[in-house]
PDB file of all heavy atoms in Angstrom:
ATOM      1  N   CYS A   1    -111.802 128.314  95.985  1.00  0.00           N
ATOM      2  CA  CYS A   1    -111.104 127.878  97.159  1.00  0.00           C
ATOM      3  C   CYS A   1    -111.020 129.017  98.194  1.00  0.00           C
ATOM      4  O   CYS A   1    -111.229 128.720  99.463  1.00  0.00           O
ATOM      5  CB  CYS A   1    -109.657 127.456  96.739  1.00  0.00           C
ATOM      6  SG  CYS A   1    -108.785 126.476  97.960  1.00  0.00           S
ATOM      7  N   ASP A   2    -110.742 130.199  97.827  1.00  0.00           N
ATOM      8  CA  ASP A   2    -110.706 131.304  98.753  1.00  0.00           C
ATOM      9  C   ASP A   2    -112.093 131.539  99.422  1.00  0.00           C
ATOM     10  O   ASP A   2    -112.169 131.762 100.622  1.00  0.00           O
ATOM     11  CB  ASP A   2    -110.247 132.577  97.974  1.00  0.00           C
ATOM     12  CG  ASP A   2    -110.021 133.766  98.870  1.00  0.00           C
ATOM     13  OD1 ASP A   2    -109.304 133.599  99.904  1.00  0.00           O
ATOM     14  OD2 ASP A   2    -110.524 134.830  98.589  1.00  0.00           O
ATOM     15  N   LEU A   3    -113.103 131.483  98.569  1.00  0.00           N
ATOM     16  CA  LEU A   3    -114.487 131.706  99.146  1.00  0.00           C
ATOM     17  C   LEU A   3    -114.893 130.594 100.066  1.00  0.00           C
ATOM     18  O   LEU A   3    -115.592 130.819 101.089  1.00  0.00           O
ATOM     19  CB  LEU A   3    -115.490 131.874  97.998  1.00  0.00           C
ATOM     20  CG  LEU A   3    -115.321 133.207  97.230  1.00  0.00           C
ATOM     21  CD1 LEU A   3    -116.125 133.135  95.929  1.00  0.00           C
ATOM     22  CD2 LEU A   3    -115.875 134.388  98.124  1.00  0.00           C
ATOM     23  N   LEU A   4    -114.511 129.376  99.786  1.00  0.00           N
ATOM     24  CA  LEU A   4    -114.847 128.284 100.665  1.00  0.00           C
ATOM     25  C   LEU A   4    -114.132 128.483 101.997  1.00  0.00           C
ATOM     26  O   LEU A   4    -114.680 128.094 103.086  1.00  0.00           O
ATOM     27  CB  LEU A   4    -114.477 126.908 100.011  1.00  0.00           C
ATOM     28  CG  LEU A   4    -115.390 126.510  98.861  1.00  0.00           C
ATOM     29  CD1 LEU A   4    -114.790 125.369  98.079  1.00  0.00           C
ATOM     30  CD2 LEU A   4    -116.792 126.166  99.373  1.00  0.00           C
ATOM     31  N   ASN A   5    -112.902 128.907 101.928  1.00  0.00           N
ATOM     32  CA  ASN A   5    -112.164 129.190 103.125  1.00  0.00           C
ATOM     33  C   ASN A   5    -112.919 130.266 103.983  1.00  0.00           C
ATOM     34  O   ASN A   5    -113.074 130.055 105.183  1.00  0.00           O
ATOM     35  CB  ASN A   5    -110.772 129.667 102.836  1.00  0.00           C
ATOM     36  CG  ASN A   5    -110.061 130.267 104.049  1.00  0.00           C
ATOM     37  OD1 ASN A   5    -109.876 129.558 105.060  1.00  0.00           O
ATOM     38  ND2 ASN A   5    -109.708 131.536 103.991  1.00  0.00           N
ATOM     39  N   TRP A   6    -113.354 131.350 103.349  1.00  0.00           N
ATOM     40  CA  TRP A   6    -114.030 132.370 104.065  1.00  0.00           C
ATOM     41  C   TRP A   6    -115.425 131.870 104.617  1.00  0.00           C
ATOM     42  O   TRP A   6    -115.866 132.252 105.681  1.00  0.00           O
ATOM     43  CB  TRP A   6    -114.254 133.626 103.193  1.00  0.00           C
ATOM     44  CG  TRP A   6    -113.006 134.412 103.173  1.00  0.00           C
ATOM     45  CD1 TRP A   6    -112.107 134.544 102.096  1.00  0.00           C
ATOM     46  CD2 TRP A   6    -112.435 135.151 104.215  1.00  0.00           C
ATOM     47  NE1 TRP A   6    -111.054 135.352 102.450  1.00  0.00           N
ATOM     48  CE2 TRP A   6    -111.235 135.738 103.756  1.00  0.00           C
ATOM     49  CE3 TRP A   6    -112.776 135.469 105.496  1.00  0.00           C
ATOM     50  CZ2 TRP A   6    -110.448 136.571 104.510  1.00  0.00           C
ATOM     51  CZ3 TRP A   6    -112.024 136.280 106.311  1.00  0.00           C
ATOM     52  CH2 TRP A   6    -110.851 136.796 105.795  1.00  0.00           C
ATOM     53  N   ARG A   7    -116.110 131.009 103.874  1.00  0.00           N
ATOM     54  CA  ARG A   7    -117.305 130.409 104.327  1.00  0.00           C
ATOM     55  C   ARG A   7    -117.066 129.541 105.599  1.00  0.00           C
ATOM     56  O   ARG A   7    -117.806 129.607 106.528  1.00  0.00           O
ATOM     57  CB  ARG A   7    -118.018 129.583 103.284  1.00  0.00           C
ATOM     58  CG  ARG A   7    -119.356 129.035 103.783  1.00  0.00           C
ATOM     59  CD  ARG A   7    -119.857 127.863 103.027  1.00  0.00           C
ATOM     60  NE  ARG A   7    -120.546 128.260 101.825  1.00  0.00           N
ATOM     61  CZ  ARG A   7    -120.895 127.351 100.893  1.00  0.00           C
ATOM     62  NH1 ARG A   7    -120.646 126.121 101.040  1.00  0.00           N
ATOM     63  NH2 ARG A   7    -121.485 127.780  99.807  1.00  0.00           N
ATOM     64  N   ALA A   8    -115.977 128.759 105.544  1.00  0.00           N
ATOM     65  CA  ALA A   8    -115.654 127.940 106.706  1.00  0.00           C
ATOM     66  C   ALA A   8    -115.293 128.806 107.879  1.00  0.00           C
ATOM     67  O   ALA A   8    -115.723 128.573 109.029  1.00  0.00           O
ATOM     68  CB  ALA A   8    -114.441 127.046 106.353  1.00  0.00           C
ATOM     69  N   PHE A   9    -114.542 129.900 107.674  1.00  0.00           N
ATOM     70  CA  PHE A   9    -114.248 130.807 108.743  1.00  0.00           C
ATOM     71  C   PHE A   9    -115.492 131.440 109.326  1.00  0.00           C
ATOM     72  O   PHE A   9    -115.658 131.507 110.554  1.00  0.00           O
ATOM     73  CB  PHE A   9    -113.262 131.945 108.250  1.00  0.00           C
ATOM     74  CG  PHE A   9    -113.221 133.160 109.165  1.00  0.00           C
ATOM     75  CD1 PHE A   9    -112.494 133.092 110.321  1.00  0.00           C
ATOM     76  CD2 PHE A   9    -113.990 134.317 108.918  1.00  0.00           C
ATOM     77  CE1 PHE A   9    -112.416 134.163 111.148  1.00  0.00           C
ATOM     78  CE2 PHE A   9    -113.905 135.359 109.741  1.00  0.00           C
ATOM     79  CZ  PHE A   9    -113.146 135.303 110.876  1.00  0.00           C
ATOM     80  N   SER A  10    -116.447 131.959 108.475  1.00  0.00           N
ATOM     81  CA  SER A  10    -117.631 132.552 108.990  1.00  0.00           C
ATOM     82  C   SER A  10    -118.527 131.566 109.730  1.00  0.00           C
ATOM     83  O   SER A  10    -119.122 131.968 110.720  1.00  0.00           O
ATOM     84  CB  SER A  10    -118.416 133.239 107.806  1.00  0.00           C
ATOM     85  OG  SER A  10    -118.935 132.254 106.936  1.00  0.00           O
ATOM     86  N   GLY A  11    -118.581 130.349 109.235  1.00  0.00           N
ATOM     87  CA  GLY A  11    -119.347 129.302 109.952  1.00  0.00           C
ATOM     88  C   GLY A  11    -118.709 129.113 111.379  1.00  0.00           C
ATOM     89  O   GLY A  11    -119.475 128.968 112.329  1.00  0.00           O
ATOM     90  N   ASN A  12    -117.441 129.044 111.422  1.00  0.00           N
ATOM     91  CA  ASN A  12    -116.763 128.875 112.681  1.00  0.00           C
ATOM     92  C   ASN A  12    -117.079 130.071 113.608  1.00  0.00           C
ATOM     93  O   ASN A  12    -117.314 129.936 114.837  1.00  0.00           O
ATOM     94  CB  ASN A  12    -115.272 128.658 112.513  1.00  0.00           C
ATOM     95  CG  ASN A  12    -114.619 128.184 113.736  1.00  0.00           C
ATOM     96  OD1 ASN A  12    -114.921 127.168 114.308  1.00  0.00           O
ATOM     97  ND2 ASN A  12    -113.632 128.957 114.202  1.00  0.00           N
ATOM     98  N   ALA A  13    -116.941 131.310 113.101  1.00  0.00           N
ATOM     99  CA  ALA A  13    -117.144 132.504 113.897  1.00  0.00           C
ATOM    100  C   ALA A  13    -118.587 132.682 114.411  1.00  0.00           C
ATOM    101  O   ALA A  13    -118.795 133.243 115.447  1.00  0.00           O
ATOM    102  CB  ALA A  13    -116.749 133.753 113.037  1.00  0.00           C
ATOM    103  N   THR A  14    -119.518 132.119 113.637  1.00  0.00           N
ATOM    104  CA  THR A  14    -120.959 132.336 114.039  1.00  0.00           C
ATOM    105  C   THR A  14    -121.459 131.066 114.772  1.00  0.00           C
ATOM    106  O   THR A  14    -122.642 131.056 115.093  1.00  0.00           O
ATOM    107  CB  THR A  14    -121.862 132.612 112.797  1.00  0.00           C
ATOM    108  OG1 THR A  14    -121.728 131.520 111.901  1.00  0.00           O
ATOM    109  CG2 THR A  14    -121.386 133.862 112.184  1.00  0.00           C
ATOM    110  N   GLY A  15    -120.677 130.046 114.862  1.00  0.00           N
ATOM    111  CA  GLY A  15    -121.140 128.810 115.532  1.00  0.00           C
ATOM    112  C   GLY A  15    -121.877 127.847 114.685  1.00  0.00           C
ATOM    113  O   GLY A  15    -122.437 126.915 115.117  1.00  0.00           O
ATOM    114  N   ASP A  16    -121.899 128.103 113.324  1.00  0.00           N
ATOM    115  CA  ASP A  16    -122.573 127.190 112.369  1.00  0.00           C
ATOM    116  C   ASP A  16    -121.538 126.124 111.953  1.00  0.00           C
ATOM    117  O   ASP A  16    -120.979 126.183 110.842  1.00  0.00           O
ATOM    118  CB  ASP A  16    -123.071 127.933 111.159  1.00  0.00           C
ATOM    119  CG  ASP A  16    -123.973 127.108 110.263  1.00  0.00           C
ATOM    120  OD1 ASP A  16    -124.038 125.855 110.497  1.00  0.00           O
ATOM    121  OD2 ASP A  16    -124.555 127.712 109.313  1.00  0.00           O
ATOM    122  N   LEU A  17    -121.215 125.203 112.810  1.00  0.00           N
ATOM    123  CA  LEU A  17    -120.163 124.267 112.589  1.00  0.00           C
ATOM    124  C   LEU A  17    -120.346 123.276 111.437  1.00  0.00           C
ATOM    125  O   LEU A  17    -119.466 122.786 110.779  1.00  0.00           O
ATOM    126  CB  LEU A  17    -119.789 123.525 113.854  1.00  0.00           C
ATOM    127  CG  LEU A  17    -119.339 124.392 115.003  1.00  0.00           C
ATOM    128  CD1 LEU A  17    -119.096 123.613 116.212  1.00  0.00           C
ATOM    129  CD2 LEU A  17    -118.136 125.232 114.590  1.00  0.00           C
ATOM    130  N   SER A  18    -121.678 122.974 111.167  1.00  0.00           N
ATOM    131  CA  SER A  18    -121.954 122.133 109.964  1.00  0.00           C
ATOM    132  C   SER A  18    -121.532 122.837 108.675  1.00  0.00           C
ATOM    133  O   SER A  18    -121.030 122.149 107.725  1.00  0.00           O
ATOM    134  CB  SER A  18    -123.397 121.684 109.962  1.00  0.00           C
ATOM    135  OG  SER A  18    -124.277 122.766 109.864  1.00  0.00           O
ATOM    136  N   ARG A  19    -121.740 124.120 108.567  1.00  0.00           N
ATOM    137  CA  ARG A  19    -121.330 124.897 107.481  1.00  0.00           C
ATOM    138  C   ARG A  19    -119.802 124.941 107.385  1.00  0.00           C
ATOM    139  O   ARG A  19    -119.197 124.762 106.313  1.00  0.00           O
ATOM    140  CB  ARG A  19    -121.867 126.312 107.498  1.00  0.00           C
ATOM    141  CG  ARG A  19    -121.392 127.169 106.348  1.00  0.00           C
ATOM    142  CD  ARG A  19    -122.157 128.438 106.322  1.00  0.00           C
ATOM    143  NE  ARG A  19    -123.466 128.071 105.942  1.00  0.00           N
ATOM    144  CZ  ARG A  19    -124.292 128.889 105.321  1.00  0.00           C
ATOM    145  NH1 ARG A  19    -123.954 130.117 105.057  1.00  0.00           N
ATOM    146  NH2 ARG A  19    -125.522 128.532 104.901  1.00  0.00           N
ATOM    147  N   THR A  20    -119.154 125.071 108.566  1.00  0.00           N
ATOM    148  CA  THR A  20    -117.737 125.079 108.540  1.00  0.00           C
ATOM    149  C   THR A  20    -117.198 123.740 108.094  1.00  0.00           C
ATOM    150  O   THR A  20    -116.252 123.729 107.224  1.00  0.00           O
ATOM    151  CB  THR A  20    -117.223 125.263 109.971  1.00  0.00           C
ATOM    152  OG1 THR A  20    -117.662 126.585 110.437  1.00  0.00           O
ATOM    153  CG2 THR A  20    -115.711 125.208 110.111  1.00  0.00           C
ATOM    154  N   LEU A  21    -117.742 122.611 108.517  1.00  0.00           N
ATOM    155  CA  LEU A  21    -117.218 121.299 108.120  1.00  0.00           C
ATOM    156  C   LEU A  21    -117.385 121.150 106.591  1.00  0.00           C
ATOM    157  O   LEU A  21    -116.438 120.711 105.914  1.00  0.00           O
ATOM    158  CB  LEU A  21    -118.003 120.198 108.841  1.00  0.00           C
ATOM    159  CG  LEU A  21    -117.617 120.030 110.306  1.00  0.00           C
ATOM    160  CD1 LEU A  21    -118.564 119.012 111.032  1.00  0.00           C
ATOM    161  CD2 LEU A  21    -116.134 119.618 110.462  1.00  0.00           C
ATOM    162  N   SER A  22    -118.559 121.464 106.050  1.00  0.00           N
ATOM    163  CA  SER A  22    -118.786 121.185 104.618  1.00  0.00           C
ATOM    164  C   SER A  22    -117.844 122.044 103.758  1.00  0.00           C
ATOM    165  O   SER A  22    -117.280 121.631 102.814  1.00  0.00           O
ATOM    166  CB  SER A  22    -120.204 121.336 104.233  1.00  0.00           C
ATOM    167  OG  SER A  22    -120.664 122.638 104.393  1.00  0.00           O
ATOM    168  N   ALA A  23    -117.763 123.316 104.071  1.00  0.00           N
ATOM    169  CA  ALA A  23    -116.944 124.277 103.353  1.00  0.00           C
ATOM    170  C   ALA A  23    -115.478 123.911 103.466  1.00  0.00           C
ATOM    171  O   ALA A  23    -114.738 123.984 102.475  1.00  0.00           O
ATOM    172  CB  ALA A  23    -117.231 125.732 103.786  1.00  0.00           C
ATOM    173  N   ALA A  24    -115.042 123.586 104.727  1.00  0.00           N
ATOM    174  CA  ALA A  24    -113.563 123.267 104.885  1.00  0.00           C
ATOM    175  C   ALA A  24    -113.202 121.996 104.160  1.00  0.00           C
ATOM    176  O   ALA A  24    -112.125 121.922 103.613  1.00  0.00           O
ATOM    177  CB  ALA A  24    -113.297 123.163 106.398  1.00  0.00           C
ATOM    178  N   LYS A  25    -114.077 120.982 104.214  1.00  0.00           N
ATOM    179  CA  LYS A  25    -113.831 119.750 103.442  1.00  0.00           C
ATOM    180  C   LYS A  25    -113.626 119.961 101.988  1.00  0.00           C
ATOM    181  O   LYS A  25    -112.707 119.489 101.317  1.00  0.00           O
ATOM    182  CB  LYS A  25    -114.885 118.693 103.724  1.00  0.00           C
ATOM    183  CG  LYS A  25    -114.810 118.068 105.149  1.00  0.00           C
ATOM    184  CD  LYS A  25    -115.942 117.099 105.317  1.00  0.00           C
ATOM    185  CE  LYS A  25    -115.958 116.563 106.714  1.00  0.00           C
ATOM    186  NZ  LYS A  25    -117.154 115.653 106.899  1.00  0.00           N
ATOM    187  N   GLU A  26    -114.591 120.664 101.383  1.00  0.00           N
ATOM    188  CA  GLU A  26    -114.556 120.953 100.024  1.00  0.00           C
ATOM    189  C   GLU A  26    -113.312 121.859  99.658  1.00  0.00           C
ATOM    190  O   GLU A  26    -112.634 121.616  98.677  1.00  0.00           O
ATOM    191  CB  GLU A  26    -115.801 121.610  99.534  1.00  0.00           C
ATOM    192  CG  GLU A  26    -115.859 121.886  98.056  1.00  0.00           C
ATOM    193  CD  GLU A  26    -117.164 122.503  97.505  1.00  0.00           C
ATOM    194  OE1 GLU A  26    -118.089 122.737  98.342  1.00  0.00           O
ATOM    195  OE2 GLU A  26    -117.263 122.818  96.383  1.00  0.00           O
ATOM    196  N   GLY A  27    -113.116 122.868 100.473  1.00  0.00           N
ATOM    197  CA  GLY A  27    -111.997 123.777 100.243  1.00  0.00           C
ATOM    198  C   GLY A  27    -110.681 123.085 100.322  1.00  0.00           C
ATOM    199  O   GLY A  27    -109.737 123.314  99.531  1.00  0.00           O
ATOM    200  N   ARG A  28    -110.537 122.193 101.348  1.00  0.00           N
ATOM    201  CA  ARG A  28    -109.246 121.421 101.478  1.00  0.00           C
ATOM    202  C   ARG A  28    -109.039 120.565 100.247  1.00  0.00           C
ATOM    203  O   ARG A  28    -107.891 120.509  99.694  1.00  0.00           O
ATOM    204  CB  ARG A  28    -109.280 120.625 102.717  1.00  0.00           C
ATOM    205  CG  ARG A  28    -108.034 119.780 102.954  1.00  0.00           C
ATOM    206  CD  ARG A  28    -108.194 118.803 104.010  1.00  0.00           C
ATOM    207  NE  ARG A  28    -109.214 117.842 103.651  1.00  0.00           N
ATOM    208  CZ  ARG A  28    -109.735 116.896 104.462  1.00  0.00           C
ATOM    209  NH1 ARG A  28    -109.217 116.781 105.680  1.00  0.00           N
ATOM    210  NH2 ARG A  28    -110.602 116.083 104.085  1.00  0.00           N
ATOM    211  N   ALA A  29    -110.077 119.830  99.833  1.00  0.00           N
ATOM    212  CA  ALA A  29    -109.916 118.951  98.682  1.00  0.00           C
ATOM    213  C   ALA A  29    -109.512 119.790  97.398  1.00  0.00           C
ATOM    214  O   ALA A  29    -108.640 119.380  96.670  1.00  0.00           O
ATOM    215  CB  ALA A  29    -111.175 118.154  98.403  1.00  0.00           C
ATOM    216  N   LEU A  30    -110.163 120.925  97.192  1.00  0.00           N
ATOM    217  CA  LEU A  30    -109.918 121.699  96.035  1.00  0.00           C
ATOM    218  C   LEU A  30    -108.536 122.313  96.078  1.00  0.00           C
ATOM    219  O   LEU A  30    -107.720 122.341  95.152  1.00  0.00           O
ATOM    220  CB  LEU A  30    -110.948 122.856  95.928  1.00  0.00           C
ATOM    221  CG  LEU A  30    -110.818 123.783  94.759  1.00  0.00           C
ATOM    222  CD1 LEU A  30    -110.836 123.091  93.397  1.00  0.00           C
ATOM    223  CD2 LEU A  30    -111.889 124.833  94.757  1.00  0.00           C
ATOM    224  N   ALA A  31    -108.103 122.752  97.266  1.00  0.00           N
ATOM    225  CA  ALA A  31    -106.773 123.325  97.476  1.00  0.00           C
ATOM    226  C   ALA A  31    -105.670 122.306  97.152  1.00  0.00           C
ATOM    227  O   ALA A  31    -104.715 122.593  96.466  1.00  0.00           O
ATOM    228  CB  ALA A  31    -106.594 123.824  98.863  1.00  0.00           C
ATOM    229  N   GLU A  32    -105.905 121.053  97.563  1.00  0.00           N
ATOM    230  CA  GLU A  32    -104.950 120.000  97.299  1.00  0.00           C
ATOM    231  C   GLU A  32    -104.876 119.730  95.772  1.00  0.00           C
ATOM    232  O   GLU A  32    -103.867 119.500  95.217  1.00  0.00           O
ATOM    233  CB  GLU A  32    -105.292 118.755  98.069  1.00  0.00           C
ATOM    234  CG  GLU A  32    -104.984 118.934  99.536  1.00  0.00           C
ATOM    235  CD  GLU A  32    -105.503 117.708 100.364  1.00  0.00           C
ATOM    236  OE1 GLU A  32    -106.029 116.734  99.834  1.00  0.00           O
ATOM    237  OE2 GLU A  32    -105.266 117.724 101.631  1.00  0.00           O
ATOM    238  N   GLU A  33    -106.048 119.739  95.151  1.00  0.00           N
ATOM    239  CA  GLU A  33    -106.202 119.487  93.743  1.00  0.00           C
ATOM    240  C   GLU A  33    -105.397 120.516  92.882  1.00  0.00           C
ATOM    241  O   GLU A  33    -104.771 120.175  91.895  1.00  0.00           O
ATOM    242  CB  GLU A  33    -107.632 119.467  93.343  1.00  0.00           C
ATOM    243  CG  GLU A  33    -107.857 119.116  91.904  1.00  0.00           C
ATOM    244  CD  GLU A  33    -109.367 119.082  91.583  1.00  0.00           C
ATOM    245  OE1 GLU A  33    -110.168 118.580  92.367  1.00  0.00           O
ATOM    246  OE2 GLU A  33    -109.766 119.700  90.549  1.00  0.00           O
ATOM    247  N   ILE A  34    -105.485 121.830  93.302  1.00  0.00           N
ATOM    248  CA  ILE A  34    -104.893 122.869  92.457  1.00  0.00           C
ATOM    249  C   ILE A  34    -103.480 123.278  93.050  1.00  0.00           C
ATOM    250  O   ILE A  34    -102.835 124.152  92.478  1.00  0.00           O
ATOM    251  CB  ILE A  34    -105.756 124.095  92.370  1.00  0.00           C
ATOM    252  CG1 ILE A  34    -106.012 124.756  93.744  1.00  0.00           C
ATOM    253  CG2 ILE A  34    -107.111 123.755  91.675  1.00  0.00           C
ATOM    254  CD1 ILE A  34    -106.786 126.081  93.661  1.00  0.00           C
ATOM    255  N   GLY A  35    -103.052 122.641  94.104  1.00  0.00           N
ATOM    256  CA  GLY A  35    -101.768 122.888  94.660  1.00  0.00           C
ATOM    257  C   GLY A  35    -101.630 124.195  95.465  1.00  0.00           C
ATOM    258  O   GLY A  35    -100.513 124.711  95.610  1.00  0.00           O
ATOM    259  N   ASP A  36    -102.724 124.591  96.041  1.00  0.00           N
ATOM    260  CA  ASP A  36    -102.794 125.825  96.870  1.00  0.00           C
ATOM    261  C   ASP A  36    -102.564 125.469  98.347  1.00  0.00           C
ATOM    262  O   ASP A  36    -103.480 125.125  99.040  1.00  0.00           O
ATOM    263  CB  ASP A  36    -104.140 126.554  96.675  1.00  0.00           C
ATOM    264  CG  ASP A  36    -104.233 127.874  97.353  1.00  0.00           C
ATOM    265  OD1 ASP A  36    -103.363 128.124  98.186  1.00  0.00           O
ATOM    266  OD2 ASP A  36    -105.113 128.607  96.985  1.00  0.00           O
ATOM    267  N   GLN A  37    -101.297 125.452  98.724  1.00  0.00           N
ATOM    268  CA  GLN A  37    -100.949 125.051 100.096  1.00  0.00           C
ATOM    269  C   GLN A  37    -101.507 126.052 101.171  1.00  0.00           C
ATOM    270  O   GLN A  37    -101.890 125.583 102.214  1.00  0.00           O
ATOM    271  CB  GLN A  37     -99.430 124.976 100.210  1.00  0.00           C
ATOM    272  CG  GLN A  37     -98.892 123.839  99.394  1.00  0.00           C
ATOM    273  CD  GLN A  37     -97.344 123.805  99.449  1.00  0.00           C
ATOM    274  OE1 GLN A  37     -96.704 124.559 100.136  1.00  0.00           O
ATOM    275  NE2 GLN A  37     -96.786 122.800  98.785  1.00  0.00           N
TER     276      GLN A  37
END
């Protein structure tokens, strides 16, 4: 979850928004699953 968050951040910072979207979606779902608010 932490690494997916950083991948989403880096995609946003570099303008690779498709990478941001995929990592953020997966990270959000995983965070909700494990209770990581």
